[in-house]
Amino acid sequence: MEKSVENQHDDEDIGFEKAEFDVTSENVVLSNDETYKINHSFEQAPTGVCVNLIGAVLFTAWLWKQVPEYVLLPWLFFITTNIVIHFTLINQYKKSIDRVSFKKNWAFYNGFLFSVYAISWGIGYHFFFPFIEINQQIFLYYIAGIYLLSLLPVLSSTHNAYLCVIVTFSIPLLVLAFEQTGNQRLVISSLILCTGCALSFISKKYQTTINQSYLLAMDIKNSSEKLHHQHMEKFNQAYRQKITLHKSETQKIIEEKDHVVKTLTSIGEAILTTDSLGNVTYINPVAEVYLGWDKQQSIGKHIDLILNIFDESTNKKINSIFQDCINSFSTITGSNKTKLLRRDKVEYYIDYSISPIMDSTHNIAGTVMVFRDVTEERGRE
């Protein structure tokens, strides 16, 4: 069942004795123990009402031809009215679950209505007995014991309410017993009193067992929550340490990358890199000048599209240097008889080398090409 009342507790000590449900607007405080008893009695109340309803219907059907209607029907009407009132109260409790003051009064309302059931049954017995035979009377005493025993789980969380039910049921029966004569009066009275005392003793033991089970369950729950809290604290601490370490490592990688980029940018030779498919991933400023492509335009394009180099002897374009490097897993070099045709058709003589870039698993992740202008050297030859 949901609790919409505010649960205030200390995170460091979650023992149920200190936990309270507090609604300041009504200035009413319920402990966990009280709330458990109230909720338990509420959950069991429909069962107790159904016991009374079924019992009343069966009694009416059984005694219909033996007990006059003017005795049986008013009793049945009274029982039925009490059942309707009880169900109305249960429905009202559901609607007012957030009102702690109503919860506080629930135990009284519920116990009172069960006491009304009990006295109704006791009075019914008192008026039914003169119209039925002695063996049926004995059977009804037996049924009375079963009835009271069946209410034990229903009212187990409120021992005082169960005592009220026993007393209110027993009073009409004792009056009936004292109307008897001789030994019959003593036997019936003793039987009623002994049964009531036995049921009271059983109820007390039953309630003690239920409460101990509840306390044990709460201890287990609290221990589990504490362990969970400690585990989560350790997990969060370890997680924060990993985050800090990851940030530190990430920062180092960023710094190393910036250093590499600055180094490549400051180198006097043209440098370009590709991925494993031959798509350009980086060119330095020197390469931008000799290729006629700026960095933004060239990134993502295939190397053969921006790199136009020709063999001087055949004047044929060389398109295979990237694939040769990938296939051979080795560095490919070119002589100073290689011509580079810039994007604007300006020609340069270059020498170059292209090498594979290997990842940590020794697979090719791309290539790096370095070339330099040897036009002046060729002019001096």
Protein backbone atom coordinates (compact mmCIF):
# COMPACT_ATOMS: atom_id res chain seq x y z
CA MET A 1 0.00 0.00 0.00
CA GLU A 2 1.35 3.44 -0.93
CA LYS A 3 2.19 5.89 1.79
CA SER A 4 1.74 9.45 0.68
CA VAL A 5 2.65 10.83 4.10
CA GLU A 6 6.18 12.18 4.22
CA ASN A 7 8.82 9.77 5.47
CA GLN A 8 11.49 11.62 7.41
CA HIS A 9 14.57 9.69 8.52
CA ASP A 10 18.23 10.13 9.18
CA ASP A 11 20.39 8.80 6.36
CA GLU A 12 23.04 7.69 8.80
CA ASP A 13 20.67 5.77 11.11
CA ILE A 14 17.78 4.07 9.40
CA GLY A 15 16.60 1.99 12.38
CA PHE A 16 12.82 1.70 12.32
CA GLU A 17 12.43 2.83 15.92
CA LYS A 18 13.61 6.30 14.94
CA ALA A 19 11.81 6.47 11.62
CA GLU A 20 8.57 8.41 11.81
CA PHE A 21 5.76 9.43 9.50
CA ASP A 22 5.11 13.06 10.24
CA VAL A 23 2.41 15.29 8.84
CA THR A 24 2.92 18.70 10.36
CA SER A 25 -0.40 20.07 9.17
CA GLU A 26 -2.24 17.68 11.46
CA ASN A 27 0.43 17.56 14.17
CA VAL A 28 0.12 13.76 14.31
CA VAL A 29 3.08 11.39 14.37
CA LEU A 30 2.94 7.65 13.67
CA SER A 31 5.86 5.32 14.25
CA ASN A 32 6.65 2.55 11.78
CA ASP A 33 5.31 0.04 14.31
CA GLU A 34 1.96 1.82 14.57
CA THR A 35 1.72 2.25 10.82
CA TYR A 36 2.43 -1.45 10.31
CA LYS A 37 -0.34 -2.45 12.73
CA ILE A 38 -2.83 -0.05 11.16
CA ASN A 39 -2.04 -1.14 7.61
CA HIS A 40 -2.12 -4.82 8.59
CA SER A 41 -5.54 -4.47 10.24
CA PHE A 42 -6.78 -2.58 7.18
CA GLU A 43 -5.58 -5.29 4.81
CA GLN A 44 -7.25 -8.01 6.91
CA ALA A 45 -10.51 -6.11 7.55
CA PRO A 46 -12.28 -7.21 4.30
CA THR A 47 -11.58 -10.84 5.22
CA GLY A 48 -13.22 -10.38 8.62
CA VAL A 49 -16.22 -8.63 7.07
CA CYS A 50 -16.63 -11.48 4.56
CA VAL A 51 -16.49 -14.03 7.42
CA ASN A 52 -19.39 -12.25 9.10
CA LEU A 53 -21.33 -11.94 5.84
CA ILE A 54 -20.93 -15.62 4.90
CA GLY A 55 -21.66 -16.72 8.47
CA ALA A 56 -24.84 -14.62 8.62
CA VAL A 57 -26.09 -16.01 5.30
CA LEU A 58 -25.39 -19.63 6.32
CA PHE A 59 -27.01 -19.18 9.76
CA THR A 60 -30.09 -17.62 8.21
CA ALA A 61 -30.44 -20.49 5.73
CA TRP A 62 -29.90 -23.10 8.48
CA LEU A 63 -32.26 -21.59 11.08
CA TRP A 64 -34.89 -20.26 8.71
CA LYS A 65 -37.49 -22.91 9.54
CA GLN A 66 -36.63 -23.20 13.23
CA VAL A 67 -36.34 -19.60 14.41
CA PRO A 68 -39.30 -17.23 13.91
CA GLU A 69 -38.84 -14.54 11.29
CA TYR A 70 -39.47 -11.73 13.79
CA VAL A 71 -36.31 -12.92 15.62
CA LEU A 72 -34.13 -13.91 12.68
CA LEU A 73 -34.76 -11.04 10.24
CA PRO A 74 -33.98 -8.12 12.64
CA TRP A 75 -30.74 -9.90 13.61
CA LEU A 76 -29.83 -10.40 9.94
CA PHE A 77 -30.70 -6.76 9.17
CA PHE A 78 -28.48 -5.53 12.01
CA ILE A 79 -25.55 -7.69 10.86
CA THR A 80 -26.01 -6.57 7.25
CA THR A 81 -26.15 -2.90 8.26
CA ASN A 82 -22.93 -3.25 10.19
CA ILE A 83 -21.29 -4.91 7.16
CA VAL A 84 -22.33 -1.99 4.93
CA ILE A 85 -20.97 0.51 7.45
CA HIS A 86 -17.71 -1.43 7.69
CA PHE A 87 -17.21 -1.54 3.93
CA THR A 88 -17.97 2.18 3.76
CA LEU A 89 -15.32 2.80 6.39
CA ILE A 90 -12.79 0.72 4.45
CA ASN A 91 -13.54 2.68 1.28
CA GLN A 92 -13.20 5.96 3.19
CA TYR A 93 -9.82 4.81 4.51
CA LYS A 94 -8.61 4.26 0.95
CA LYS A 95 -9.67 7.78 -0.02
CA SER A 96 -8.12 9.34 3.09
CA ILE A 97 -4.88 7.37 3.18
CA ASP A 98 -2.86 10.60 3.32
CA ARG A 99 -4.66 11.76 6.46
CA VAL A 100 -2.66 10.50 9.41
CA SER A 101 -5.38 11.46 11.90
CA PHE A 102 -7.78 9.14 10.11
CA LYS A 103 -5.18 6.36 10.26
CA LYS A 104 -4.84 7.01 13.96
CA ASN A 105 -8.60 6.48 14.45
CA TRP A 106 -8.84 3.48 12.13
CA ALA A 107 -7.88 0.98 14.85
CA PHE A 108 -10.69 2.26 17.06
CA TYR A 109 -13.29 2.26 14.27
CA ASN A 110 -12.29 -1.19 13.07
CA GLY A 111 -12.21 -2.72 16.57
CA PHE A 112 -15.54 -1.13 17.46
CA LEU A 113 -17.28 -2.54 14.39
CA PHE A 114 -15.89 -6.03 15.01
CA SER A 115 -17.12 -5.74 18.60
CA VAL A 116 -20.56 -4.88 17.20
CA TYR A 117 -20.38 -8.05 15.09
CA ALA A 118 -19.44 -10.06 18.16
CA ILE A 119 -22.24 -8.72 20.38
CA SER A 120 -24.68 -9.21 17.48
CA TRP A 121 -23.70 -12.85 17.26
CA GLY A 122 -23.85 -13.24 21.03
CA ILE A 123 -27.34 -11.69 21.21
CA GLY A 124 -28.38 -13.82 18.25
CA TYR A 125 -27.25 -16.93 20.11
CA HIS A 126 -29.22 -15.77 23.16
CA PHE A 127 -32.44 -15.46 21.17
CA PHE A 128 -31.92 -18.48 18.91
CA PHE A 129 -31.26 -21.06 21.63
CA PRO A 130 -34.84 -21.34 22.95
CA PHE A 131 -36.01 -22.41 19.47
CA ILE A 132 -33.42 -25.10 18.73
CA GLU A 133 -32.60 -28.51 20.19
CA ILE A 134 -29.79 -29.20 22.69
CA ASN A 135 -27.51 -30.90 20.15
CA GLN A 136 -27.83 -27.88 17.85
CA GLN A 137 -27.03 -25.62 20.79
CA ILE A 138 -23.82 -27.55 21.43
CA PHE A 139 -22.96 -27.29 17.74
CA LEU A 140 -23.52 -23.51 17.86
CA TYR A 141 -21.11 -23.24 20.82
CA TYR A 142 -18.56 -25.09 18.69
CA ILE A 143 -19.23 -22.72 15.76
CA ALA A 144 -18.81 -19.73 18.10
CA GLY A 145 -15.29 -20.92 19.01
CA ILE A 146 -14.42 -21.35 15.32
CA TYR A 147 -15.80 -17.89 14.56
CA LEU A 148 -13.68 -16.25 17.24
CA LEU A 149 -10.64 -18.23 16.12
CA SER A 150 -11.15 -17.15 12.50
CA LEU A 151 -10.96 -13.50 13.58
CA LEU A 152 -7.57 -14.05 15.21
CA PRO A 153 -5.51 -13.37 12.03
CA VAL A 154 -7.81 -10.45 11.17
CA LEU A 155 -7.22 -8.70 14.51
CA SER A 156 -3.78 -10.13 15.27
CA SER A 157 -2.07 -6.73 15.13
CA THR A 158 -4.48 -5.17 17.66
CA HIS A 159 -4.70 -7.44 20.70
CA ASN A 160 -7.01 -5.10 22.63
CA ALA A 161 -9.55 -5.10 19.79
CA TYR A 162 -9.56 -8.89 19.80
CA LEU A 163 -10.12 -8.94 23.56
CA CYS A 164 -13.12 -6.63 23.08
CA VAL A 165 -14.54 -9.03 20.50
CA ILE A 166 -14.16 -11.98 22.89
CA VAL A 167 -15.77 -10.09 25.78
CA THR A 168 -18.67 -8.69 23.74
CA PHE A 169 -19.37 -12.13 22.26
CA SER A 170 -19.13 -13.85 25.64
CA ILE A 171 -21.41 -11.55 27.65
CA PRO A 172 -24.70 -12.60 25.97
CA LEU A 173 -23.58 -16.24 26.12
CA LEU A 174 -22.84 -15.94 29.86
CA VAL A 175 -26.26 -14.37 30.39
CA LEU A 176 -27.73 -17.31 28.52
CA ALA A 177 -25.68 -19.73 30.61
CA PHE A 178 -26.87 -18.19 33.91
CA GLU A 179 -30.46 -18.70 32.77
CA GLN A 180 -29.79 -22.43 32.89
CA THR A 181 -30.24 -24.47 36.04
CA GLY A 182 -28.00 -26.71 38.16
CA ASN A 183 -24.82 -28.18 36.78
CA GLN A 184 -25.65 -27.08 33.24
CA ARG A 185 -25.18 -23.45 34.27
CA LEU A 186 -21.74 -24.19 35.77
CA VAL A 187 -20.55 -26.30 32.84
CA ILE A 188 -21.59 -23.82 30.14
CA SER A 189 -20.24 -20.81 32.06
CA SER A 190 -16.93 -22.55 32.69
CA LEU A 191 -16.68 -23.59 29.05
CA ILE A 192 -17.29 -20.01 27.85
CA LEU A 193 -14.78 -18.51 30.30
CA CYS A 194 -12.11 -21.13 29.55
CA THR A 195 -12.58 -20.67 25.80
CA GLY A 196 -12.33 -16.88 26.16
CA CYS A 197 -9.16 -17.11 28.27
CA ALA A 198 -7.58 -19.62 25.87
CA LEU A 199 -8.35 -17.42 22.87
CA SER A 200 -6.97 -14.38 24.70
CA PHE A 201 -3.74 -16.25 25.51
CA ILE A 202 -3.42 -17.51 21.92
CA SER A 203 -4.05 -14.00 20.60
CA LYS A 204 -1.30 -12.54 22.77
CA LYS A 205 1.21 -15.17 21.68
CA TYR A 206 0.15 -14.78 18.06
CA GLN A 207 0.56 -11.01 18.22
CA THR A 208 3.99 -11.36 19.89
CA THR A 209 5.12 -13.73 17.13
CA ILE A 210 3.84 -11.38 14.42
CA ASN A 211 5.57 -8.40 16.01
CA GLN A 212 8.84 -10.29 16.40
CA SER A 213 8.64 -11.33 12.75
CA TYR A 214 8.03 -7.71 11.80
CA LEU A 215 10.96 -6.52 13.91
CA LEU A 216 13.19 -9.17 12.36
CA ALA A 217 12.06 -8.18 8.87
CA MET A 218 12.74 -4.52 9.64
CA ASP A 219 16.19 -5.36 11.02
CA ILE A 220 16.99 -7.32 7.88
CA LYS A 221 15.66 -4.49 5.71
CA ASN A 222 17.64 -1.87 7.61
CA SER A 223 20.82 -3.96 7.47
CA SER A 224 20.28 -4.51 3.77
CA GLU A 225 19.78 -0.78 3.20
CA LYS A 226 22.90 0.04 5.19
CA LEU A 227 24.94 -2.48 3.22
CA HIS A 228 23.48 -1.16 0.00
CA HIS A 229 24.28 2.40 1.07
CA GLN A 230 27.87 1.43 1.93
CA HIS A 231 28.25 -0.49 -1.32
CA MET A 232 26.89 2.44 -3.34
CA GLU A 233 29.20 4.83 -1.49
CA LYS A 234 32.22 2.66 -2.34
CA PHE A 235 30.99 2.28 -5.92
CA ASN A 236 30.49 6.04 -6.28
CA GLN A 237 33.92 6.72 -4.81
CA ALA A 238 35.55 4.25 -7.21
CA TYR A 239 33.51 5.68 -10.07
CA ARG A 240 34.59 9.24 -9.21
CA GLN A 241 38.21 8.09 -9.11
CA LYS A 242 37.83 6.48 -12.54
CA ILE A 243 36.21 9.64 -13.89
CA THR A 244 39.06 11.74 -12.51
CA LEU A 245 41.64 9.34 -13.98
CA HIS A 246 39.79 9.30 -17.31
CA LYS A 247 39.70 13.11 -17.41
CA SER A 248 43.41 13.21 -16.63
CA GLU A 249 44.21 10.69 -19.35
CA THR A 250 41.93 12.47 -21.80
CA GLN A 251 43.66 15.75 -21.05
CA LYS A 252 47.04 14.13 -21.65
CA ILE A 253 45.84 12.75 -24.99
CA ILE A 254 44.52 16.18 -25.98
CA GLU A 255 47.80 17.80 -25.01
CA GLU A 256 49.79 15.16 -26.91
CA LYS A 257 47.56 15.59 -29.94
CA ASP A 258 47.99 19.36 -29.83
CA HIS A 259 51.74 18.88 -29.56
CA VAL A 260 51.76 16.53 -32.56
CA VAL A 261 49.62 18.93 -34.58
CA LYS A 262 51.89 21.85 -33.71
CA THR A 263 54.94 19.76 -34.61
CA LEU A 264 53.48 18.69 -37.95
CA THR A 265 52.38 22.24 -38.64
CA SER A 266 55.85 23.63 -38.00
CA ILE A 267 57.69 21.04 -40.12
CA GLY A 268 59.06 22.48 -43.39
CA GLU A 269 58.03 19.44 -45.45
CA ALA A 270 54.55 18.65 -46.74
CA ILE A 271 52.70 16.01 -44.72
CA LEU A 272 49.35 14.38 -45.26
CA THR A 273 47.72 11.38 -43.60
CA THR A 274 44.91 9.07 -44.66
CA ASP A 275 42.74 6.42 -43.12
CA SER A 276 42.83 2.77 -44.16
CA LEU A 277 40.62 3.55 -47.17
CA GLY A 278 42.82 6.31 -48.49
CA ASN A 279 40.63 9.22 -47.38
CA VAL A 280 42.62 12.24 -46.22
CA THR A 281 42.50 12.84 -42.45
CA TYR A 282 45.12 15.61 -42.11
CA ILE A 283 47.36 17.90 -44.18
CA ASN A 284 49.77 20.45 -42.81
CA PRO A 285 50.07 24.04 -44.11
CA VAL A 286 53.04 23.19 -46.37
CA ALA A 287 50.99 20.46 -48.08
CA GLU A 288 48.13 22.94 -48.52
CA VAL A 289 50.47 25.25 -50.47
CA TYR A 290 51.87 22.55 -52.78
CA LEU A 291 48.59 20.74 -53.37
CA GLY A 292 46.44 23.82 -53.80
CA TRP A 293 43.84 22.38 -51.41
CA ASP A 294 43.15 23.85 -48.00
CA LYS A 295 42.61 21.66 -44.98
CA GLN A 296 38.81 21.90 -44.85
CA GLN A 297 38.45 21.07 -48.56
CA SER A 298 40.79 18.09 -48.50
CA ILE A 299 39.66 16.27 -45.31
CA GLY A 300 37.57 13.25 -46.29
CA LYS A 301 38.59 13.21 -49.96
CA HIS A 302 40.56 10.33 -51.43
CA ILE A 303 44.30 10.93 -51.72
CA ASP A 304 44.28 10.26 -55.49
CA LEU A 305 41.83 13.16 -55.94
CA ILE A 306 44.04 15.85 -54.40
CA LEU A 307 47.48 14.34 -55.08
CA ASN A 308 48.37 14.55 -58.79
CA ILE A 309 51.87 13.16 -59.28
CA PHE A 310 53.42 12.01 -62.56
CA ASP A 311 56.40 9.94 -63.65
CA GLU A 312 58.73 12.29 -65.55
CA SER A 313 59.90 9.62 -67.95
CA THR A 314 56.44 8.44 -69.03
CA ASN A 315 54.42 11.54 -68.05
CA LYS A 316 51.75 9.18 -66.67
CA LYS A 317 49.86 9.85 -63.44
CA ILE A 318 50.88 7.69 -60.51
CA ASN A 319 47.74 6.43 -58.76
CA SER A 320 49.06 3.36 -57.05
CA ILE A 321 51.33 4.63 -54.27
CA PHE A 322 48.65 4.38 -51.55
CA GLN A 323 47.57 0.89 -52.59
CA ASP A 324 51.19 -0.26 -53.00
CA CYS A 325 51.94 0.90 -49.46
CA ILE A 326 48.87 -0.87 -48.06
CA ASN A 327 49.59 -4.10 -49.93
CA SER A 328 53.29 -4.24 -49.10
CA PHE A 329 53.01 -3.20 -45.45
CA SER A 330 56.14 -1.14 -46.06
CA THR A 331 57.37 2.33 -46.94
CA ILE A 332 57.24 3.37 -50.63
CA THR A 333 59.66 6.07 -51.81
CA GLY A 334 59.85 8.13 -54.98
CA SER A 335 62.81 9.77 -56.74
CA ASN A 336 63.30 13.42 -57.59
CA LYS A 337 62.04 12.63 -61.06
CA THR A 338 58.47 12.73 -59.82
CA LYS A 339 56.39 15.77 -60.85
CA LEU A 340 53.58 17.23 -58.70
CA LEU A 341 50.82 19.08 -60.52
CA ARG A 342 49.17 21.57 -58.17
CA ARG A 343 45.47 22.25 -58.37
CA ASP A 344 46.11 25.45 -60.38
CA LYS A 345 48.35 23.49 -62.83
CA VAL A 346 51.68 24.73 -61.39
CA GLU A 347 54.32 21.98 -61.55
CA TYR A 348 56.93 21.02 -58.95
CA TYR A 349 59.55 18.32 -58.79
CA ILE A 350 59.28 16.36 -55.53
CA ASP A 351 60.65 13.35 -53.79
CA TYR A 352 58.35 11.54 -51.40
CA SER A 353 57.81 8.61 -49.07
CA ILE A 354 54.56 7.02 -47.91
CA SER A 355 54.44 4.66 -44.93
CA PRO A 356 51.69 2.58 -43.31
CA ILE A 357 50.32 3.57 -39.88
CA MET A 358 49.84 0.52 -37.66
CA ASP A 359 47.36 0.32 -34.77
CA SER A 360 47.87 -1.53 -31.47
CA THR A 361 46.72 -4.81 -33.06
CA HIS A 362 49.25 -4.45 -35.89
CA ASN A 363 46.59 -3.75 -38.47
CA ILE A 364 46.91 -0.88 -40.93
CA ALA A 365 44.99 2.15 -39.65
CA GLY A 366 46.07 4.46 -42.48
CA THR A 367 49.10 6.00 -44.13
CA VAL A 368 51.34 9.04 -43.76
CA MET A 369 52.96 10.70 -46.77
CA VAL A 370 55.85 13.15 -46.62
CA PHE A 371 57.15 15.02 -49.67
CA ARG A 372 59.43 18.01 -50.33
CA ASP A 373 60.08 20.38 -53.21
CA VAL A 374 63.28 19.52 -55.15
CA THR A 375 62.63 21.83 -58.07
CA GLU A 376 65.69 24.01 -57.34
CA GLU A 377 67.92 20.95 -57.00
CA ARG A 378 66.76 19.74 -60.40
CA GLY A 379 67.52 23.16 -61.87
CA ARG A 380 71.11 22.96 -60.70
CA GLU A 381 71.65 19.54 -62.32
